Amino acid sequence: MNTTAEASMCPLCDTTSGVPYASWRERRYLHCENCDLVWLDPAQRLNPAAERTYYATHENDPRDPGYRRFLSRAAEPLLARLAPGSHGLDYGCGPGPALAYMLQEAGHTMALYDPYFAPAQAALERQYDFVTCTETAEHFHNPGTEFRELDSLLRPRGWLAVMTGFRPEQERFANWHYVRDPTHVSFYSEKSLAWLAELFEWEMQVPAKNVVLFRKG
């Protein structure tokens, strides 16, 4: 498998320990032995216009009961930990910010940010009691940079709710449904998420499958 220096550099921990991990069709994936991230070869990412077009095909209707049930796996444990009237940010809200609506219905104030659908820079210039990042982290081209920003957006003792598919064993990776989405470029194991928690000195909890809650110190 051919890799460039850029592809070999882990986009989460910035080491150069990326090694061939798997392939699916024409796509090549690398693995970091330090933080356990797996990522798509950067040369094979979609360009921004193609990414936005693909995102726009997602049917994330805030009124869809099935989608709300799906998001409740992150919403319910987060709501159980929030003080009444907390202020939050839905980071990577997409074209249909269903989770933000659900949290507003529960009495919390929500801001929105998405680089394509809600590019409000002002939303990134303050801090919040909590930040949600659901079905978003797998799209990060530079997850190390993105998670540093997420940390900066949290007030002390603030919560970060991340929902993303936890990577299966290597032998199952190429058949994993998450790999089929061409905009999915970063894949995390619980070890990767624990590495992040140690880096930022966050408390880490895993209340449901594919859901992790971090609490800032």
N, C-alpha and C. Protein backbone atom coordinates (compact mmCIF):
# COMPACT_ATOMS: atom_id res chain seq x y z
N MET A 1 0.84 -1.18 0.00
CA MET A 1 0.00 0.00 0.00
C MET A 1 0.88 1.24 0.00
N ASN A 2 0.63 2.15 -0.93
CA ASN A 2 1.41 3.38 -1.05
C ASN A 2 0.84 4.44 -0.13
N THR A 3 1.67 5.07 0.69
CA THR A 3 1.21 6.17 1.53
C THR A 3 2.17 7.32 1.37
N THR A 4 1.62 8.55 1.46
CA THR A 4 2.45 9.73 1.43
C THR A 4 2.78 10.13 2.85
N ALA A 5 3.71 11.10 3.00
CA ALA A 5 4.05 11.59 4.35
C ALA A 5 2.82 12.17 5.01
N GLU A 6 1.98 12.86 4.23
CA GLU A 6 0.76 13.44 4.81
C GLU A 6 -0.17 12.36 5.32
N ALA A 7 -0.37 11.32 4.52
CA ALA A 7 -1.27 10.25 4.91
C ALA A 7 -0.76 9.52 6.14
N SER A 8 0.55 9.41 6.28
CA SER A 8 1.13 8.68 7.40
C SER A 8 1.03 9.43 8.72
N MET A 9 0.89 10.76 8.66
CA MET A 9 0.82 11.55 9.89
C MET A 9 -0.56 11.40 10.51
N CYS A 10 -0.62 10.88 11.72
CA CYS A 10 -1.90 10.68 12.38
C CYS A 10 -2.59 12.03 12.59
N PRO A 11 -3.81 12.20 12.12
CA PRO A 11 -4.49 13.48 12.25
C PRO A 11 -5.08 13.73 13.64
N LEU A 12 -4.98 12.74 14.52
CA LEU A 12 -5.47 12.94 15.88
C LEU A 12 -4.33 13.29 16.83
N CYS A 13 -3.26 12.49 16.84
CA CYS A 13 -2.19 12.73 17.81
C CYS A 13 -0.92 13.29 17.19
N ASP A 14 -0.91 13.47 15.86
CA ASP A 14 0.23 14.09 15.16
C ASP A 14 1.52 13.29 15.28
N THR A 15 1.40 11.98 15.37
CA THR A 15 2.60 11.14 15.27
C THR A 15 2.72 10.67 13.82
N THR A 16 3.79 10.00 13.51
CA THR A 16 3.96 9.48 12.14
C THR A 16 3.87 7.96 12.13
N SER A 17 3.06 7.42 13.04
CA SER A 17 3.02 5.96 13.19
C SER A 17 1.91 5.30 12.38
N GLY A 18 1.35 6.01 11.39
CA GLY A 18 0.30 5.40 10.59
C GLY A 18 0.81 4.21 9.79
N VAL A 19 0.11 3.09 9.90
CA VAL A 19 0.48 1.88 9.17
C VAL A 19 -0.75 1.38 8.42
N PRO A 20 -0.56 0.65 7.31
CA PRO A 20 -1.71 0.11 6.58
C PRO A 20 -2.61 -0.71 7.49
N TYR A 21 -3.91 -0.49 7.34
CA TYR A 21 -4.88 -1.15 8.24
C TYR A 21 -5.89 -1.99 7.47
N ALA A 22 -6.51 -1.39 6.45
CA ALA A 22 -7.55 -2.09 5.69
C ALA A 22 -7.78 -1.35 4.38
N SER A 23 -8.52 -1.99 3.51
CA SER A 23 -8.95 -1.34 2.27
C SER A 23 -10.36 -1.79 1.97
N TRP A 24 -11.10 -0.93 1.30
CA TRP A 24 -12.44 -1.25 0.84
C TRP A 24 -12.62 -0.60 -0.52
N ARG A 25 -12.86 -1.44 -1.52
CA ARG A 25 -12.89 -0.97 -2.91
C ARG A 25 -11.57 -0.24 -3.18
N GLU A 26 -11.63 1.03 -3.55
CA GLU A 26 -10.40 1.76 -3.85
C GLU A 26 -9.88 2.55 -2.66
N ARG A 27 -10.57 2.48 -1.55
CA ARG A 27 -10.19 3.31 -0.40
C ARG A 27 -9.18 2.59 0.49
N ARG A 28 -8.21 3.36 0.98
CA ARG A 28 -7.14 2.82 1.81
C ARG A 28 -7.20 3.49 3.19
N TYR A 29 -7.03 2.68 4.22
CA TYR A 29 -7.14 3.16 5.60
C TYR A 29 -5.86 2.88 6.36
N LEU A 30 -5.51 3.80 7.24
CA LEU A 30 -4.29 3.72 8.04
C LEU A 30 -4.64 3.71 9.52
N HIS A 31 -3.71 3.19 10.29
CA HIS A 31 -3.93 3.03 11.73
C HIS A 31 -2.78 3.63 12.51
N CYS A 32 -3.11 4.33 13.59
CA CYS A 32 -2.09 4.88 14.49
C CYS A 32 -1.95 3.97 15.70
N GLU A 33 -0.75 3.49 15.92
CA GLU A 33 -0.52 2.60 17.06
C GLU A 33 -0.40 3.36 18.37
N ASN A 34 -0.36 4.67 18.31
CA ASN A 34 -0.28 5.49 19.53
C ASN A 34 -1.67 5.76 20.11
N CYS A 35 -2.57 6.34 19.31
CA CYS A 35 -3.90 6.71 19.81
C CYS A 35 -5.00 5.80 19.31
N ASP A 36 -4.69 4.86 18.42
CA ASP A 36 -5.61 3.86 17.90
C ASP A 36 -6.62 4.41 16.90
N LEU A 37 -6.40 5.60 16.38
CA LEU A 37 -7.28 6.12 15.33
C LEU A 37 -7.03 5.36 14.03
N VAL A 38 -8.10 5.19 13.26
CA VAL A 38 -7.99 4.74 11.87
C VAL A 38 -8.55 5.85 10.99
N TRP A 39 -7.87 6.14 9.87
CA TRP A 39 -8.32 7.23 9.01
C TRP A 39 -8.15 6.87 7.54
N LEU A 40 -8.98 7.51 6.73
CA LEU A 40 -8.90 7.35 5.28
C LEU A 40 -7.70 8.12 4.76
N ASP A 41 -6.99 7.54 3.81
CA ASP A 41 -5.89 8.23 3.13
C ASP A 41 -6.41 9.60 2.68
N PRO A 42 -5.78 10.71 3.12
CA PRO A 42 -6.28 12.04 2.76
C PRO A 42 -6.43 12.27 1.27
N ALA A 43 -5.63 11.60 0.45
CA ALA A 43 -5.74 11.78 -1.00
C ALA A 43 -7.07 11.28 -1.54
N GLN A 44 -7.79 10.49 -0.73
CA GLN A 44 -9.04 9.90 -1.20
C GLN A 44 -10.29 10.56 -0.61
N ARG A 45 -10.11 11.64 0.11
CA ARG A 45 -11.27 12.37 0.63
C ARG A 45 -12.03 13.07 -0.49
N LEU A 46 -13.32 13.25 -0.29
CA LEU A 46 -14.10 14.07 -1.21
C LEU A 46 -13.67 15.53 -1.10
N ASN A 47 -13.84 16.28 -2.18
CA ASN A 47 -13.59 17.71 -2.09
C ASN A 47 -14.76 18.38 -1.37
N PRO A 48 -14.61 19.63 -0.91
CA PRO A 48 -15.67 20.26 -0.12
C PRO A 48 -17.03 20.32 -0.82
N ALA A 49 -17.05 20.59 -2.10
CA ALA A 49 -18.32 20.67 -2.81
C ALA A 49 -19.03 19.31 -2.84
N ALA A 50 -18.26 18.25 -3.08
CA ALA A 50 -18.85 16.91 -3.09
C ALA A 50 -19.31 16.50 -1.70
N GLU A 51 -18.54 16.89 -0.68
CA GLU A 51 -18.95 16.60 0.70
C GLU A 51 -20.29 17.24 1.01
N ARG A 52 -20.41 18.54 0.70
CA ARG A 52 -21.65 19.25 1.02
C ARG A 52 -22.83 18.62 0.29
N THR A 53 -22.64 18.26 -0.96
CA THR A 53 -23.70 17.64 -1.74
C THR A 53 -24.15 16.34 -1.10
N TYR A 54 -23.18 15.55 -0.63
CA TYR A 54 -23.53 14.28 0.01
C TYR A 54 -24.25 14.51 1.33
N TYR A 55 -23.77 15.47 2.14
CA TYR A 55 -24.43 15.76 3.41
C TYR A 55 -25.88 16.17 3.20
N ALA A 56 -26.15 16.90 2.14
CA ALA A 56 -27.50 17.40 1.89
C ALA A 56 -28.48 16.27 1.59
N THR A 57 -27.97 15.08 1.27
CA THR A 57 -28.85 13.94 1.02
C THR A 57 -29.30 13.26 2.31
N HIS A 58 -28.69 13.58 3.43
CA HIS A 58 -29.06 12.97 4.70
C HIS A 58 -30.45 13.43 5.11
N GLU A 59 -31.28 12.51 5.52
CA GLU A 59 -32.64 12.85 5.95
C GLU A 59 -32.69 12.90 7.46
N ASN A 60 -32.38 14.07 8.00
CA ASN A 60 -32.32 14.26 9.45
C ASN A 60 -33.45 15.18 9.89
N ASP A 61 -34.67 14.75 9.66
CA ASP A 61 -35.85 15.56 9.96
C ASP A 61 -36.07 15.59 11.47
N PRO A 62 -36.07 16.79 12.08
CA PRO A 62 -36.29 16.88 13.52
C PRO A 62 -37.63 16.32 13.97
N ARG A 63 -38.58 16.18 13.05
CA ARG A 63 -39.91 15.66 13.41
C ARG A 63 -40.02 14.15 13.26
N ASP A 64 -38.97 13.52 12.76
CA ASP A 64 -39.00 12.08 12.50
C ASP A 64 -38.83 11.31 13.83
N PRO A 65 -39.86 10.56 14.27
CA PRO A 65 -39.76 9.86 15.55
C PRO A 65 -38.59 8.87 15.60
N GLY A 66 -38.32 8.20 14.48
CA GLY A 66 -37.22 7.24 14.46
C GLY A 66 -35.88 7.90 14.65
N TYR A 67 -35.70 9.05 14.02
CA TYR A 67 -34.43 9.77 14.16
C TYR A 67 -34.29 10.32 15.58
N ARG A 68 -35.39 10.78 16.15
CA ARG A 68 -35.35 11.27 17.53
C ARG A 68 -35.00 10.14 18.50
N ARG A 69 -35.52 8.94 18.26
CA ARG A 69 -35.15 7.80 19.11
C ARG A 69 -33.67 7.51 19.00
N PHE A 70 -33.17 7.57 17.78
CA PHE A 70 -31.73 7.34 17.55
C PHE A 70 -30.90 8.34 18.35
N LEU A 71 -31.25 9.62 18.28
CA LEU A 71 -30.50 10.66 18.99
C LEU A 71 -30.70 10.60 20.50
N SER A 72 -31.79 10.00 20.94
CA SER A 72 -32.06 9.94 22.38
C SER A 72 -31.01 9.14 23.12
N ARG A 73 -30.27 8.28 22.41
CA ARG A 73 -29.19 7.53 23.07
C ARG A 73 -28.13 8.47 23.62
N ALA A 74 -27.95 9.62 22.96
CA ALA A 74 -27.04 10.65 23.48
C ALA A 74 -27.77 11.67 24.33
N ALA A 75 -29.00 12.03 23.91
CA ALA A 75 -29.73 13.09 24.60
C ALA A 75 -30.11 12.71 26.02
N GLU A 76 -30.60 11.50 26.22
CA GLU A 76 -31.10 11.13 27.54
C GLU A 76 -30.02 11.12 28.61
N PRO A 77 -28.86 10.47 28.38
CA PRO A 77 -27.83 10.52 29.43
C PRO A 77 -27.26 11.92 29.63
N LEU A 78 -27.21 12.72 28.57
CA LEU A 78 -26.73 14.09 28.73
C LEU A 78 -27.71 14.89 29.55
N LEU A 79 -29.01 14.80 29.23
CA LEU A 79 -30.02 15.56 29.97
C LEU A 79 -30.02 15.21 31.45
N ALA A 80 -29.72 13.95 31.76
CA ALA A 80 -29.69 13.53 33.15
C ALA A 80 -28.58 14.21 33.95
N ARG A 81 -27.60 14.79 33.26
CA ARG A 81 -26.45 15.38 33.91
C ARG A 81 -26.44 16.92 33.86
N LEU A 82 -27.36 17.51 33.12
CA LEU A 82 -27.34 18.96 32.94
C LEU A 82 -28.17 19.67 34.00
N ALA A 83 -27.69 20.82 34.42
CA ALA A 83 -28.47 21.69 35.30
C ALA A 83 -29.59 22.33 34.48
N PRO A 84 -30.72 22.66 35.11
CA PRO A 84 -31.82 23.31 34.36
C PRO A 84 -31.34 24.60 33.69
N GLY A 85 -31.86 24.84 32.48
CA GLY A 85 -31.55 26.07 31.78
C GLY A 85 -30.11 26.22 31.36
N SER A 86 -29.45 25.12 31.04
CA SER A 86 -28.05 25.20 30.61
C SER A 86 -27.97 25.74 29.18
N HIS A 87 -26.78 26.21 28.83
CA HIS A 87 -26.52 26.76 27.50
C HIS A 87 -25.62 25.81 26.73
N GLY A 88 -26.06 25.40 25.54
CA GLY A 88 -25.30 24.42 24.78
C GLY A 88 -25.08 24.81 23.34
N LEU A 89 -24.18 24.07 22.70
CA LEU A 89 -23.86 24.24 21.29
C LEU A 89 -23.98 22.90 20.60
N ASP A 90 -24.72 22.86 19.49
CA ASP A 90 -24.76 21.67 18.64
C ASP A 90 -23.72 21.86 17.55
N TYR A 91 -22.57 21.19 17.71
CA TYR A 91 -21.40 21.36 16.84
C TYR A 91 -21.46 20.33 15.73
N GLY A 92 -21.61 20.82 14.50
CA GLY A 92 -21.81 19.91 13.38
C GLY A 92 -23.27 19.52 13.27
N CYS A 93 -24.15 20.51 13.39
CA CYS A 93 -25.59 20.24 13.49
C CYS A 93 -26.20 19.72 12.20
N GLY A 94 -25.54 19.95 11.05
CA GLY A 94 -26.07 19.48 9.78
C GLY A 94 -27.28 20.29 9.34
N PRO A 95 -27.93 19.85 8.26
CA PRO A 95 -29.06 20.61 7.72
C PRO A 95 -30.33 20.51 8.54
N GLY A 96 -30.42 19.51 9.43
CA GLY A 96 -31.60 19.35 10.27
C GLY A 96 -31.20 19.16 11.71
N PRO A 97 -31.07 20.23 12.50
CA PRO A 97 -30.52 20.12 13.87
C PRO A 97 -31.51 19.53 14.85
N ALA A 98 -31.83 18.25 14.66
CA ALA A 98 -32.85 17.60 15.48
C ALA A 98 -32.47 17.55 16.96
N LEU A 99 -31.21 17.24 17.24
CA LEU A 99 -30.81 17.14 18.64
C LEU A 99 -30.94 18.49 19.34
N ALA A 100 -30.61 19.57 18.66
CA ALA A 100 -30.75 20.90 19.26
C ALA A 100 -32.21 21.17 19.62
N TYR A 101 -33.14 20.77 18.74
CA TYR A 101 -34.56 20.96 19.03
C TYR A 101 -34.96 20.14 20.25
N MET A 102 -34.47 18.92 20.34
CA MET A 102 -34.82 18.07 21.48
C MET A 102 -34.33 18.66 22.79
N LEU A 103 -33.14 19.22 22.77
CA LEU A 103 -32.58 19.81 23.99
C LEU A 103 -33.28 21.13 24.33
N GLN A 104 -33.69 21.87 23.31
CA GLN A 104 -34.47 23.08 23.56
C GLN A 104 -35.82 22.73 24.19
N GLU A 105 -36.43 21.67 23.71
CA GLU A 105 -37.71 21.23 24.27
C GLU A 105 -37.57 20.87 25.75
N ALA A 106 -36.38 20.46 26.14
CA ALA A 106 -36.11 20.11 27.54
C ALA A 106 -35.74 21.33 28.38
N GLY A 107 -35.75 22.53 27.78
CA GLY A 107 -35.54 23.76 28.54
C GLY A 107 -34.16 24.36 28.46
N HIS A 108 -33.34 23.88 27.55
CA HIS A 108 -31.98 24.40 27.43
C HIS A 108 -31.88 25.34 26.22
N THR A 109 -30.94 26.27 26.30
CA THR A 109 -30.71 27.21 25.21
C THR A 109 -29.64 26.65 24.30
N MET A 110 -29.89 26.67 22.98
CA MET A 110 -28.97 26.05 22.04
C MET A 110 -28.48 27.04 20.99
N ALA A 111 -27.18 26.96 20.70
CA ALA A 111 -26.59 27.62 19.54
C ALA A 111 -26.21 26.53 18.54
N LEU A 112 -26.06 26.93 17.29
CA LEU A 112 -25.76 25.98 16.22
C LEU A 112 -24.47 26.35 15.51
N TYR A 113 -23.71 25.32 15.15
CA TYR A 113 -22.56 25.54 14.27
C TYR A 113 -22.40 24.34 13.35
N ASP A 114 -22.19 24.65 12.08
CA ASP A 114 -21.85 23.63 11.09
C ASP A 114 -21.09 24.35 9.97
N PRO A 115 -19.97 23.82 9.53
CA PRO A 115 -19.19 24.54 8.51
C PRO A 115 -19.92 24.72 7.19
N TYR A 116 -20.92 23.88 6.91
CA TYR A 116 -21.66 23.99 5.66
C TYR A 116 -23.05 24.59 5.85
N PHE A 117 -23.74 24.21 6.91
CA PHE A 117 -25.15 24.56 7.04
C PHE A 117 -25.46 25.62 8.10
N ALA A 118 -24.53 25.90 8.98
CA ALA A 118 -24.70 26.96 9.98
C ALA A 118 -23.33 27.53 10.33
N PRO A 119 -22.67 28.17 9.35
CA PRO A 119 -21.28 28.63 9.55
C PRO A 119 -21.20 29.94 10.33
N ALA A 120 -21.77 29.93 11.52
CA ALA A 120 -21.81 31.13 12.35
C ALA A 120 -20.56 31.19 13.21
N GLN A 121 -19.58 31.97 12.80
CA GLN A 121 -18.32 32.05 13.54
C GLN A 121 -18.53 32.54 14.97
N ALA A 122 -19.55 33.38 15.17
CA ALA A 122 -19.81 33.91 16.51
C ALA A 122 -20.11 32.79 17.50
N ALA A 123 -20.66 31.70 17.01
CA ALA A 123 -20.98 30.58 17.91
C ALA A 123 -19.72 29.94 18.48
N LEU A 124 -18.58 30.15 17.82
CA LEU A 124 -17.32 29.56 18.27
C LEU A 124 -16.49 30.54 19.10
N GLU A 125 -17.08 31.66 19.43
CA GLU A 125 -16.35 32.70 20.16
C GLU A 125 -16.85 32.88 21.58
N ARG A 126 -17.50 31.86 22.11
CA ARG A 126 -17.95 31.88 23.51
C ARG A 126 -17.83 30.46 24.06
N GLN A 127 -18.14 30.30 25.33
CA GLN A 127 -18.09 28.98 25.96
C GLN A 127 -19.48 28.57 26.41
N TYR A 128 -19.62 27.25 26.60
CA TYR A 128 -20.93 26.67 26.86
C TYR A 128 -20.88 25.71 28.04
N ASP A 129 -22.07 25.47 28.61
CA ASP A 129 -22.19 24.46 29.67
C ASP A 129 -22.06 23.05 29.08
N PHE A 130 -22.45 22.90 27.82
CA PHE A 130 -22.31 21.60 27.16
C PHE A 130 -22.22 21.80 25.66
N VAL A 131 -21.59 20.84 25.00
CA VAL A 131 -21.47 20.83 23.55
C VAL A 131 -21.85 19.42 23.09
N THR A 132 -22.66 19.34 22.04
CA THR A 132 -22.99 18.05 21.46
C THR A 132 -22.29 17.91 20.11
N CYS A 133 -21.86 16.71 19.83
CA CYS A 133 -21.13 16.40 18.59
C CYS A 133 -21.58 15.00 18.17
N THR A 134 -22.76 14.93 17.54
CA THR A 134 -23.37 13.64 17.24
C THR A 134 -23.28 13.33 15.75
N GLU A 135 -22.77 12.14 15.46
CA GLU A 135 -22.56 11.70 14.07
C GLU A 135 -21.79 12.76 13.29
N THR A 136 -20.76 13.29 13.93
CA THR A 136 -19.95 14.38 13.36
C THR A 136 -18.47 14.08 13.39
N ALA A 137 -17.97 13.49 14.49
CA ALA A 137 -16.53 13.29 14.66
C ALA A 137 -15.93 12.40 13.59
N GLU A 138 -16.74 11.51 13.02
CA GLU A 138 -16.23 10.64 11.95
C GLU A 138 -15.96 11.42 10.66
N HIS A 139 -16.48 12.64 10.56
CA HIS A 139 -16.25 13.49 9.39
C HIS A 139 -15.02 14.38 9.53
N PHE A 140 -14.42 14.42 10.72
CA PHE A 140 -13.31 15.34 10.96
C PHE A 140 -12.09 14.97 10.13
N HIS A 141 -11.63 15.89 9.30
CA HIS A 141 -10.38 15.68 8.57
C HIS A 141 -9.17 15.81 9.50
N ASN A 142 -9.29 16.71 10.47
CA ASN A 142 -8.20 16.96 11.43
C ASN A 142 -8.76 16.85 12.85
N PRO A 143 -9.02 15.63 13.30
CA PRO A 143 -9.68 15.48 14.59
C PRO A 143 -8.91 16.06 15.77
N GLY A 144 -7.58 16.06 15.70
CA GLY A 144 -6.82 16.67 16.79
C GLY A 144 -7.16 18.14 16.94
N THR A 145 -7.22 18.86 15.83
CA THR A 145 -7.57 20.28 15.84
C THR A 145 -9.01 20.48 16.29
N GLU A 146 -9.91 19.65 15.78
CA GLU A 146 -11.33 19.79 16.11
C GLU A 146 -11.59 19.55 17.60
N PHE A 147 -10.96 18.53 18.17
CA PHE A 147 -11.19 18.26 19.59
C PHE A 147 -10.55 19.33 20.48
N ARG A 148 -9.46 19.93 20.04
CA ARG A 148 -8.92 21.06 20.80
C ARG A 148 -9.91 22.22 20.80
N GLU A 149 -10.57 22.43 19.66
CA GLU A 149 -11.58 23.49 19.61
C GLU A 149 -12.75 23.15 20.52
N LEU A 150 -13.19 21.90 20.49
CA LEU A 150 -14.29 21.50 21.35
C LEU A 150 -13.95 21.73 22.83
N ASP A 151 -12.73 21.40 23.21
CA ASP A 151 -12.30 21.64 24.58
C ASP A 151 -12.36 23.13 24.92
N SER A 152 -11.95 23.97 23.98
CA SER A 152 -11.95 25.42 24.22
C SER A 152 -13.36 25.98 24.34
N LEU A 153 -14.35 25.30 23.79
CA LEU A 153 -15.73 25.78 23.82
C LEU A 153 -16.44 25.45 25.12
N LEU A 154 -15.84 24.60 25.94
CA LEU A 154 -16.47 24.16 27.18
C LEU A 154 -16.05 25.01 28.36
N ARG A 155 -17.04 25.38 29.17
CA ARG A 155 -16.74 26.00 30.45
C ARG A 155 -16.18 24.94 31.40
N PRO A 156 -15.50 25.34 32.46
CA PRO A 156 -15.08 24.35 33.47
C PRO A 156 -16.27 23.53 33.95
N ARG A 157 -16.08 22.23 34.02
CA ARG A 157 -17.09 21.25 34.42
C ARG A 157 -18.17 21.07 33.36
N GLY A 158 -17.93 21.58 32.15
CA GLY A 158 -18.89 21.42 31.07
C GLY A 158 -18.83 20.02 30.47
N TRP A 159 -19.91 19.64 29.80
CA TRP A 159 -20.04 18.31 29.22
C TRP A 159 -19.89 18.35 27.70
N LEU A 160 -19.20 17.37 27.16
CA LEU A 160 -19.11 17.15 25.72
C LEU A 160 -19.71 15.79 25.42
N ALA A 161 -20.78 15.78 24.62
CA ALA A 161 -21.44 14.52 24.23
C ALA A 161 -21.04 14.18 22.81
N VAL A 162 -20.39 13.05 22.64
CA VAL A 162 -19.96 12.59 21.31
C VAL A 162 -20.68 11.29 20.99
N MET A 163 -21.25 11.25 19.80
CA MET A 163 -21.91 10.04 19.31
C MET A 163 -21.29 9.70 17.96
N THR A 164 -20.64 8.57 17.90
CA THR A 164 -19.99 8.12 16.67
C THR A 164 -19.85 6.61 16.74
N GLY A 165 -19.82 5.96 15.61
CA GLY A 165 -19.68 4.51 15.62
C GLY A 165 -18.34 4.08 16.19
N PHE A 166 -18.36 3.26 17.23
CA PHE A 166 -17.11 2.74 17.79
C PHE A 166 -16.59 1.66 16.83
N ARG A 167 -15.34 1.79 16.46
CA ARG A 167 -14.76 0.93 15.43
C ARG A 167 -14.73 -0.54 15.87
N PRO A 168 -15.15 -1.46 14.98
CA PRO A 168 -15.09 -2.88 15.32
C PRO A 168 -13.68 -3.43 15.15
N GLU A 169 -13.53 -4.73 15.37
CA GLU A 169 -12.24 -5.38 15.21
C GLU A 169 -11.77 -5.25 13.76
N GLN A 170 -10.47 -5.34 13.59
CA GLN A 170 -9.88 -5.12 12.26
C GLN A 170 -10.48 -6.04 11.20
N GLU A 171 -10.73 -7.30 11.55
CA GLU A 171 -11.22 -8.23 10.54
C GLU A 171 -12.65 -7.90 10.09
N ARG A 172 -13.37 -7.09 10.86
CA ARG A 172 -14.73 -6.71 10.50
C ARG A 172 -14.80 -5.31 9.89
N PHE A 173 -13.70 -4.60 9.91
CA PHE A 173 -13.73 -3.18 9.52
C PHE A 173 -14.22 -2.98 8.09
N ALA A 174 -13.69 -3.72 7.14
CA ALA A 174 -14.02 -3.50 5.73
C ALA A 174 -15.48 -3.77 5.42
N ASN A 175 -16.16 -4.55 6.26
CA ASN A 175 -17.59 -4.85 6.06
C ASN A 175 -18.50 -4.00 6.95
N TRP A 176 -17.92 -3.07 7.68
CA TRP A 176 -18.68 -2.21 8.61
C TRP A 176 -19.45 -1.17 7.80
N HIS A 177 -20.71 -0.96 8.16
CA HIS A 177 -21.55 -0.02 7.40
C HIS A 177 -21.00 1.40 7.42
N TYR A 178 -20.27 1.77 8.47
CA TYR A 178 -19.73 3.13 8.57
C TYR A 178 -18.76 3.45 7.44
N VAL A 179 -18.07 2.44 6.96
CA VAL A 179 -17.07 2.63 5.91
C VAL A 179 -17.73 2.96 4.57
N ARG A 180 -19.00 2.61 4.41
CA ARG A 180 -19.69 2.84 3.13
C ARG A 180 -19.92 4.32 2.85
N ASP A 181 -19.97 5.13 3.88
CA ASP A 181 -20.22 6.56 3.71
C ASP A 181 -18.92 7.24 3.28
N PRO A 182 -18.87 7.86 2.09
CA PRO A 182 -17.61 8.43 1.62
C PRO A 182 -17.16 9.66 2.39
N THR A 183 -18.04 10.22 3.22
CA THR A 183 -17.64 11.38 4.03
C THR A 183 -17.11 10.97 5.40
N HIS A 184 -17.14 9.68 5.72
CA HIS A 184 -16.58 9.19 6.97
C HIS A 184 -15.08 8.95 6.77
N VAL A 185 -14.27 9.70 7.50
CA VAL A 185 -12.82 9.64 7.27
C VAL A 185 -12.00 9.34 8.52
N SER A 186 -12.62 9.44 9.71
CA SER A 186 -11.91 9.18 10.97
C SER A 186 -12.73 8.21 11.80
N PHE A 187 -12.08 7.16 12.31
CA PHE A 187 -12.78 6.08 12.99
C PHE A 187 -12.12 5.82 14.34
N TYR A 188 -12.94 5.85 15.39
CA TYR A 188 -12.44 5.84 16.76
C TYR A 188 -12.83 4.54 17.47
N SER A 189 -11.93 4.05 18.28
CA SER A 189 -12.23 2.98 19.21
C SER A 189 -12.41 3.61 20.60
N GLU A 190 -12.84 2.82 21.56
CA GLU A 190 -12.90 3.35 22.93
C GLU A 190 -11.50 3.73 23.41
N LYS A 191 -10.48 3.03 22.92
CA LYS A 191 -9.11 3.39 23.27
C LYS A 191 -8.75 4.78 22.75
N SER A 192 -9.18 5.10 21.53
CA SER A 192 -8.94 6.44 20.97
C SER A 192 -9.59 7.51 21.84
N LEU A 193 -10.82 7.24 22.26
CA LEU A 193 -11.57 8.21 23.06
C LEU A 193 -10.95 8.35 24.44
N ALA A 194 -10.46 7.23 24.99
CA ALA A 194 -9.78 7.31 26.28
C ALA A 194 -8.47 8.09 26.16
N TRP A 195 -7.81 7.96 25.01
CA TRP A 195 -6.60 8.75 24.76
C TRP A 195 -6.92 10.24 24.78
N LEU A 196 -8.03 10.62 24.16
CA LEU A 196 -8.46 12.02 24.19
C LEU A 196 -8.76 12.48 25.61
N ALA A 197 -9.45 11.65 26.37
CA ALA A 197 -9.79 12.02 27.74
C ALA A 197 -8.53 12.26 28.57
N GLU A 198 -7.53 11.42 28.38
CA GLU A 198 -6.28 11.61 29.12
C GLU A 198 -5.57 12.88 28.67
N LEU A 199 -5.58 13.13 27.35
CA LEU A 199 -4.91 14.32 26.83
C LEU A 199 -5.49 15.59 27.41
N PHE A 200 -6.81 15.69 27.44
CA PHE A 200 -7.46 16.92 27.89
C PHE A 200 -7.85 16.90 29.37
N GLU A 201 -7.53 15.80 30.04
CA GLU A 201 -7.87 15.64 31.45
C GLU A 201 -9.38 15.73 31.66
N TRP A 202 -10.10 15.06 30.76
CA TRP A 202 -11.55 14.96 30.86
C TRP A 202 -11.92 13.69 31.61
N GLU A 203 -13.01 13.76 32.36
CA GLU A 203 -13.66 12.55 32.86
C GLU A 203 -14.42 11.91 31.69
N MET A 204 -14.37 10.60 31.57
CA MET A 204 -15.01 9.92 30.44
C MET A 204 -16.02 8.90 30.94
N GLN A 205 -17.21 8.93 30.34
CA GLN A 205 -18.25 7.96 30.64
C GLN A 205 -18.82 7.44 29.33
N VAL A 206 -19.18 6.17 29.30
CA VAL A 206 -19.78 5.55 28.10
C VAL A 206 -21.15 5.03 28.51
N PRO A 207 -22.20 5.88 28.41
CA PRO A 207 -23.52 5.49 28.92
C PRO A 207 -24.33 4.62 27.98
N ALA A 208 -23.95 4.55 26.71
CA ALA A 208 -24.70 3.77 25.72
C ALA A 208 -23.77 3.41 24.57
N LYS A 209 -24.20 2.46 23.77
CA LYS A 209 -23.41 2.06 22.61
C LYS A 209 -23.17 3.26 21.70
N ASN A 210 -21.90 3.46 21.34
CA ASN A 210 -21.50 4.52 20.40
C ASN A 210 -21.72 5.93 20.95
N VAL A 211 -21.82 6.05 22.26
CA VAL A 211 -21.99 7.35 22.91
C VAL A 211 -20.96 7.48 24.02
N VAL A 212 -20.28 8.63 24.04
CA VAL A 212 -19.35 8.91 25.12
C VAL A 212 -19.61 10.32 25.61
N LEU A 213 -19.59 10.47 26.94
CA LEU A 213 -19.71 11.78 27.57
C LEU A 213 -18.39 12.11 28.22
N PHE A 214 -17.88 13.28 27.92
CA PHE A 214 -16.66 13.79 28.54
C PHE A 214 -17.05 14.96 29.43
N ARG A 215 -16.41 15.06 30.58
CA ARG A 215 -16.62 16.23 31.45
C ARG A 215 -15.28 16.93 31.66
N LYS A 216 -15.30 18.20 31.34
CA LYS A 216 -14.08 19.01 31.49
C LYS A 216 -13.78 19.22 32.97
N GLY A 217 -12.48 19.27 33.29
CA GLY A 217 -12.08 19.46 34.67
C GLY A 217 -12.32 20.87 35.17
